[in-house]
Each structure stands twice: as structure tokens, then as C-alpha cells.
């Protein structure tokens, strides 16, 4: 007598066991998808809040949102510090928005529009303290440096 033939499902389990494993695998994939979506949604909410905070700050400080940089430099030290913090908050808000909404060009266009008045400050700050821009991610650094190069011939950053 020979050994009875074993069908493939007998070797790997019953159909019910295979179906159960498949459902468990699908459930695990769905959980991973949900976690990813929650992370994306949280990032988007955080970016919107940061940009809304910047917009509120700009509304409350019009002298910083459309600055006369020479007047700010000539003014009290507190104004200079406030302006530097205003620009830092703006760059942070743009960094968050462009990272969260990388596929939506209107966020970058809005940031581009708001960046132009701050280029004199950023050029001067980058010359005086090259490490300043390094506090932002690589994409933000590239964006600011590219804007400085295209907007003004006198903004020389040296080797980039």
C-alpha cells in the first residue's frame, strides 16, 4: 500500500484557514492605510494652523508683512528682533504648508508672493549668519536661495 495522496489544501490548511489568513492580512493592510491617512490629515491640519497663525500675525503686524527693511534696521532693537521672528514664523509656516500639500501649487505660490518683501532681510541675514537658513529643511533652503538669486543680483550668498 502506498502513501495516500495529499492534496495541496491539506498540506497548507483548509480553505477556511486560508480565507481567515487572507482576511487578517487585508485587515492589517487597512490598519496601515488608516494610520497613514491619519498622519497625513494631522500634518495637513498642523500646516493649516501654522499658516493661519502666520496670517493672523501678518494682519496684526502690517509693518512686518510689507516691511521697510531699512526703517526696521534703523529702528529700535525690539523691532528688529520681532521682525526676525516674524520672518522665521513665516518660513516655518511655508515649510509646513509645502510639505503637507506638496501636490498643491497654490501653497507655494502664496509663499512665493509673501517671501519677496523679506528677501533683503534674508540676503543680509544669510551673509552675516550662513547657518541661519540651515535651521530649515533642505527644500525650504533651496526655495529661499533660489528666490534670492532670481530676485536680486546684489544678494550674493557665496558657494551654495
C-alpha atoms as a PDB file:
ATOM      1  CA  UNK A   1       0.000   0.000   0.000  1.00  0.00           C
ATOM      2  CA  UNK A   2       1.263   3.361  -0.944  1.00  0.00           C
ATOM      3  CA  UNK A   3       1.011   6.572   0.908  1.00  0.00           C
ATOM      4  CA  UNK A   4      -2.316   8.331   0.364  1.00  0.00           C
ATOM      5  CA  UNK A   5      -2.068  11.327  -1.918  1.00  0.00           C
ATOM      6  CA  UNK A   6      -2.119  14.700  -0.145  1.00  0.00           C
ATOM      7  CA  UNK A   7      -3.969  17.500  -1.804  1.00  0.00           C
ATOM      8  CA  UNK A   8      -2.400  20.990  -1.719  1.00  0.00           C
ATOM      9  CA  UNK A   9      -5.004  22.339   0.668  1.00  0.00           C
ATOM     10  CA  UNK A  10      -4.327  19.549   3.096  1.00  0.00           C
ATOM     11  CA  UNK A  11      -0.665  20.467   3.096  1.00  0.00           C
ATOM     12  CA  UNK A  12      -1.279  24.213   3.711  1.00  0.00           C
ATOM     13  CA  UNK A  13      -4.518  24.119   5.661  1.00  0.00           C
ATOM     14  CA  UNK A  14      -8.165  24.146   4.934  1.00  0.00           C
ATOM     15  CA  UNK A  15      -9.876  26.677   2.757  1.00  0.00           C
ATOM     16  CA  UNK A  16     -11.361  28.296   5.869  1.00  0.00           C
ATOM     17  CA  UNK A  17      -7.913  28.736   7.396  1.00  0.00           C
ATOM     18  CA  UNK A  18      -6.571  30.292   4.202  1.00  0.00           C
ATOM     19  CA  UNK A  19      -9.556  32.632   3.994  1.00  0.00           C
ATOM     20  CA  UNK A  20      -9.055  33.633   7.625  1.00  0.00           C
ATOM     21  CA  UNK A  21      -5.377  34.391   6.987  1.00  0.00           C
ATOM     22  CA  UNK A  22      -6.306  36.444   3.902  1.00  0.00           C
ATOM     23  CA  UNK A  23      -8.871  38.474   5.853  1.00  0.00           C
ATOM     24  CA  UNK A  24      -6.354  39.078   8.632  1.00  0.00           C
ATOM     25  CA  UNK A  25      -3.798  40.254   6.082  1.00  0.00           C
ATOM     26  CA  UNK A  26      -6.350  42.610   4.498  1.00  0.00           C
ATOM     27  CA  UNK A  27      -7.264  43.912   7.943  1.00  0.00           C
ATOM     28  CA  UNK A  28      -3.631  44.610   8.726  1.00  0.00           C
ATOM     29  CA  UNK A  29      -3.206  46.429   5.402  1.00  0.00           C
ATOM     30  CA  UNK A  30      -6.328  48.502   6.148  1.00  0.00           C
ATOM     31  CA  UNK A  31      -4.958  49.465   9.556  1.00  0.00           C
ATOM     32  CA  UNK A  32      -1.661  50.571   7.999  1.00  0.00           C
ATOM     33  CA  UNK A  33      -3.588  52.619   5.429  1.00  0.00           C
ATOM     34  CA  UNK A  34      -5.666  54.265   8.174  1.00  0.00           C
ATOM     35  CA  UNK A  35      -2.560  55.110  10.193  1.00  0.00           C
ATOM     36  CA  UNK A  36      -1.004  56.700   7.105  1.00  0.00           C
ATOM     37  CA  UNK A  37      -4.160  58.701   6.389  1.00  0.00           C
ATOM     38  CA  UNK A  38      -4.401  59.887   9.992  1.00  0.00           C
ATOM     39  CA  UNK A  39      -0.778  61.046   9.804  1.00  0.00           C
ATOM     40  CA  UNK A  40      -1.418  62.892   6.541  1.00  0.00           C
ATOM     41  CA  UNK A  41      -4.557  64.527   7.918  1.00  0.00           C
ATOM     42  CA  UNK A  42      -2.765  65.592  11.102  1.00  0.00           C
ATOM     43  CA  UNK A  43       0.064  67.083   9.058  1.00  0.00           C
ATOM     44  CA  UNK A  44      -2.442  68.994   6.913  1.00  0.00           C
ATOM     45  CA  UNK A  45      -4.274  70.328   9.965  1.00  0.00           C
ATOM     46  CA  UNK A  46      -0.995  71.363  11.578  1.00  0.00           C
ATOM     47  CA  UNK A  47       0.134  73.114   8.385  1.00  0.00           C
ATOM     48  CA  UNK A  48      -3.160  74.986   8.072  1.00  0.00           C
ATOM     49  CA  UNK A  49      -2.938  76.098  11.710  1.00  0.00           C
ATOM     50  CA  UNK A  50       0.654  77.285  11.253  1.00  0.00           C
ATOM     51  CA  UNK A  51      -0.247  79.238   8.130  1.00  0.00           C
ATOM     52  CA  UNK A  52      -3.352  80.669   9.787  1.00  0.00           C
ATOM     53  CA  UNK A  53      -1.150  81.746  12.710  1.00  0.00           C
ATOM     54  CA  UNK A  54       1.223  83.454  10.276  1.00  0.00           C
ATOM     55  CA  UNK A  55      -1.695  85.181   8.529  1.00  0.00           C
ATOM     56  CA  UNK A  56      -3.001  86.423  11.878  1.00  0.00           C
ATOM     57  CA  UNK A  57       0.471  87.674  12.786  1.00  0.00           C
ATOM     58  CA  UNK A  58       0.751  89.463   9.434  1.00  0.00           C
ATOM     59  CA  UNK A  59      -2.642  91.085   9.958  1.00  0.00           C
ATOM     60  CA  UNK A  60      -1.634  92.319  13.410  1.00  0.00           C
ATOM     61  CA  UNK A  61       1.817  93.498  12.213  1.00  0.00           C
ATOM     62  CA  UNK A  62       1.456  95.090   8.777  1.00  0.00           C
ATOM     63  CA  UNK A  63       4.809  96.839   9.229  1.00  0.00           C
ATOM     64  CA  UNK A  64       6.401  93.378   9.128  1.00  0.00           C
ATOM     65  CA  UNK A  65       4.254  91.793   6.436  1.00  0.00           C
ATOM     66  CA  UNK A  66       5.175  94.576   3.948  1.00  0.00           C
ATOM     67  CA  UNK A  67       8.364  95.786   5.598  1.00  0.00           C
ATOM     68  CA  UNK A  68      10.522  98.801   5.054  1.00  0.00           C
ATOM     69  CA  UNK A  69      13.631  96.887   5.997  1.00  0.00           C
ATOM     70  CA  UNK A  70      15.859  99.974   6.161  1.00  0.00           C
ATOM     71  CA  UNK A  71      13.443 101.570   8.649  1.00  0.00           C
ATOM     72  CA  UNK A  72      13.313  98.385  10.718  1.00  0.00           C
ATOM     73  CA  UNK A  73      17.135  98.227  10.837  1.00  0.00           C
ATOM     74  CA  UNK A  74      17.295 101.886  11.843  1.00  0.00           C
ATOM     75  CA  UNK A  75      14.564 101.451  14.472  1.00  0.00           C
ATOM     76  CA  UNK A  76      14.640 100.027  17.975  1.00  0.00           C
ATOM     77  CA  UNK A  77      16.313  96.665  18.588  1.00  0.00           C
ATOM     78  CA  UNK A  78      12.969  95.198  19.678  1.00  0.00           C
ATOM     79  CA  UNK A  79      11.531  95.851  16.205  1.00  0.00           C
ATOM     80  CA  UNK A  80      14.493  94.084  14.622  1.00  0.00           C
ATOM     81  CA  UNK A  81      14.035  91.046  16.868  1.00  0.00           C
ATOM     82  CA  UNK A  82      10.274  90.985  16.270  1.00  0.00           C
ATOM     83  CA  UNK A  83      10.798  91.219  12.527  1.00  0.00           C
ATOM     84  CA  UNK A  84      13.354  88.387  12.518  1.00  0.00           C
ATOM     85  CA  UNK A  85      10.911  86.235  14.479  1.00  0.00           C
ATOM     86  CA  UNK A  86       8.106  87.215  12.103  1.00  0.00           C
ATOM     87  CA  UNK A  87      10.170  86.033   9.108  1.00  0.00           C
ATOM     88  CA  UNK A  88      11.151  82.846  10.949  1.00  0.00           C
ATOM     89  CA  UNK A  89       7.492  82.085  11.662  1.00  0.00           C
ATOM     90  CA  UNK A  90       6.628  82.796   8.031  1.00  0.00           C
ATOM     91  CA  UNK A  91       9.330  80.406   6.777  1.00  0.00           C
ATOM     92  CA  UNK A  92       8.183  77.749   9.246  1.00  0.00           C
ATOM     93  CA  UNK A  93       4.557  78.116   8.123  1.00  0.00           C
ATOM     94  CA  UNK A  94       5.588  77.820   4.475  1.00  0.00           C
ATOM     95  CA  UNK A  95       7.779  74.834   5.243  1.00  0.00           C
ATOM     96  CA  UNK A  96       4.866  73.071   6.901  1.00  0.00           C
ATOM     97  CA  UNK A  97       2.368  74.015   4.192  1.00  0.00           C
ATOM     98  CA  UNK A  98       4.532  72.989   1.266  1.00  0.00           C
ATOM     99  CA  UNK A  99       5.428  69.679   2.944  1.00  0.00           C
ATOM    100  CA  UNK A 100       1.820  68.867   3.800  1.00  0.00           C
ATOM    101  CA  UNK A 101       0.426  69.990   0.442  1.00  0.00           C
ATOM    102  CA  UNK A 102       3.288  69.115  -1.914  1.00  0.00           C
ATOM    103  CA  UNK A 103       0.839  68.364  -4.717  1.00  0.00           C
ATOM    104  CA  UNK A 104      -0.963  71.708  -4.431  1.00  0.00           C
ATOM    105  CA  UNK A 105       0.999  74.522  -6.078  1.00  0.00           C
ATOM    106  CA  UNK A 106      -1.176  77.318  -4.686  1.00  0.00           C
ATOM    107  CA  UNK A 107       0.542  76.981  -1.295  1.00  0.00           C
ATOM    108  CA  UNK A 108       3.969  77.513  -2.825  1.00  0.00           C
ATOM    109  CA  UNK A 109       2.630  80.384  -4.936  1.00  0.00           C
ATOM    110  CA  UNK A 110       1.257  82.050  -1.808  1.00  0.00           C
ATOM    111  CA  UNK A 111       4.568  81.613  -0.017  1.00  0.00           C
ATOM    112  CA  UNK A 112       6.472  82.926  -3.052  1.00  0.00           C
ATOM    113  CA  UNK A 113       4.288  86.015  -3.088  1.00  0.00           C
ATOM    114  CA  UNK A 114       4.784  86.676   0.635  1.00  0.00           C
ATOM    115  CA  UNK A 115       8.539  85.951   0.509  1.00  0.00           C
ATOM    116  CA  UNK A 116       9.514  88.748  -1.883  1.00  0.00           C
ATOM    117  CA  UNK A 117       9.312  91.647   0.619  1.00  0.00           C
ATOM    118  CA  UNK A 118      11.557  89.727   3.031  1.00  0.00           C
ATOM    119  CA  UNK A 119      14.370  88.982   0.595  1.00  0.00           C
ATOM    120  CA  UNK A 120      16.525  91.991   1.593  1.00  0.00           C
ATOM    121  CA  UNK A 121      16.474  90.773   5.202  1.00  0.00           C
ATOM    122  CA  UNK A 122      17.128  87.164   4.202  1.00  0.00           C
ATOM    123  CA  UNK A 123      20.030  88.161   1.935  1.00  0.00           C
ATOM    124  CA  UNK A 124      21.645  90.203   4.681  1.00  0.00           C
ATOM    125  CA  UNK A 125      20.975  87.568   7.335  1.00  0.00           C
ATOM    126  CA  UNK A 126      22.403  84.789   5.139  1.00  0.00           C
ATOM    127  CA  UNK A 127      25.578  86.787   4.524  1.00  0.00           C
ATOM    128  CA  UNK A 128      26.025  87.629   8.205  1.00  0.00           C
ATOM    129  CA  UNK A 129      24.940  84.231   9.574  1.00  0.00           C
ATOM    130  CA  UNK A 130      25.166  81.475   6.925  1.00  0.00           C
ATOM    131  CA  UNK A 131      23.838  78.927   9.437  1.00  0.00           C
ATOM    132  CA  UNK A 132      20.502  80.780   9.697  1.00  0.00           C
ATOM    133  CA  UNK A 133      18.911  79.032   6.711  1.00  0.00           C
ATOM    134  CA  UNK A 134      20.250  75.675   7.871  1.00  0.00           C
ATOM    135  CA  UNK A 135      17.615  75.700  10.607  1.00  0.00           C
ATOM    136  CA  UNK A 136      15.054  74.893   7.896  1.00  0.00           C
ATOM    137  CA  UNK A 137      14.700  71.736   5.833  1.00  0.00           C
ATOM    138  CA  UNK A 138      16.582  71.311   2.555  1.00  0.00           C
ATOM    139  CA  UNK A 139      13.537  72.148   0.404  1.00  0.00           C
ATOM    140  CA  UNK A 140      12.964  75.434   2.235  1.00  0.00           C
ATOM    141  CA  UNK A 141      16.652  76.317   1.971  1.00  0.00           C
ATOM    142  CA  UNK A 142      16.609  75.681  -1.785  1.00  0.00           C
ATOM    143  CA  UNK A 143      13.404  77.667  -2.221  1.00  0.00           C
ATOM    144  CA  UNK A 144      14.735  80.697  -0.326  1.00  0.00           C
ATOM    145  CA  UNK A 145      18.146  80.592  -2.051  1.00  0.00           C
ATOM    146  CA  UNK A 146      16.543  80.288  -5.488  1.00  0.00           C
ATOM    147  CA  UNK A 147      14.247  83.223  -4.690  1.00  0.00           C
ATOM    148  CA  UNK A 148      17.203  85.317  -3.542  1.00  0.00           C
ATOM    149  CA  UNK A 149      19.116  84.563  -6.745  1.00  0.00           C
ATOM    150  CA  UNK A 150      16.250  85.419  -9.080  1.00  0.00           C
ATOM    151  CA  UNK A 151      15.014  88.493  -7.229  1.00  0.00           C
ATOM    152  CA  UNK A 152      18.215  90.399  -6.721  1.00  0.00           C
ATOM    153  CA  UNK A 153      21.613  90.499  -8.373  1.00  0.00           C
ATOM    154  CA  UNK A 154      23.187  92.017  -5.239  1.00  0.00           C
ATOM    155  CA  UNK A 155      22.272  89.098  -2.977  1.00  0.00           C
ATOM    156  CA  UNK A 156      25.435  87.028  -3.171  1.00  0.00           C
ATOM    157  CA  UNK A 157      25.460  84.034  -0.883  1.00  0.00           C
ATOM    158  CA  UNK A 158      28.791  82.653  -1.932  1.00  0.00           C
ATOM    159  CA  UNK A 159      29.070  78.937  -2.568  1.00  0.00           C
ATOM    160  CA  UNK A 160      25.793  77.078  -2.235  1.00  0.00           C
END
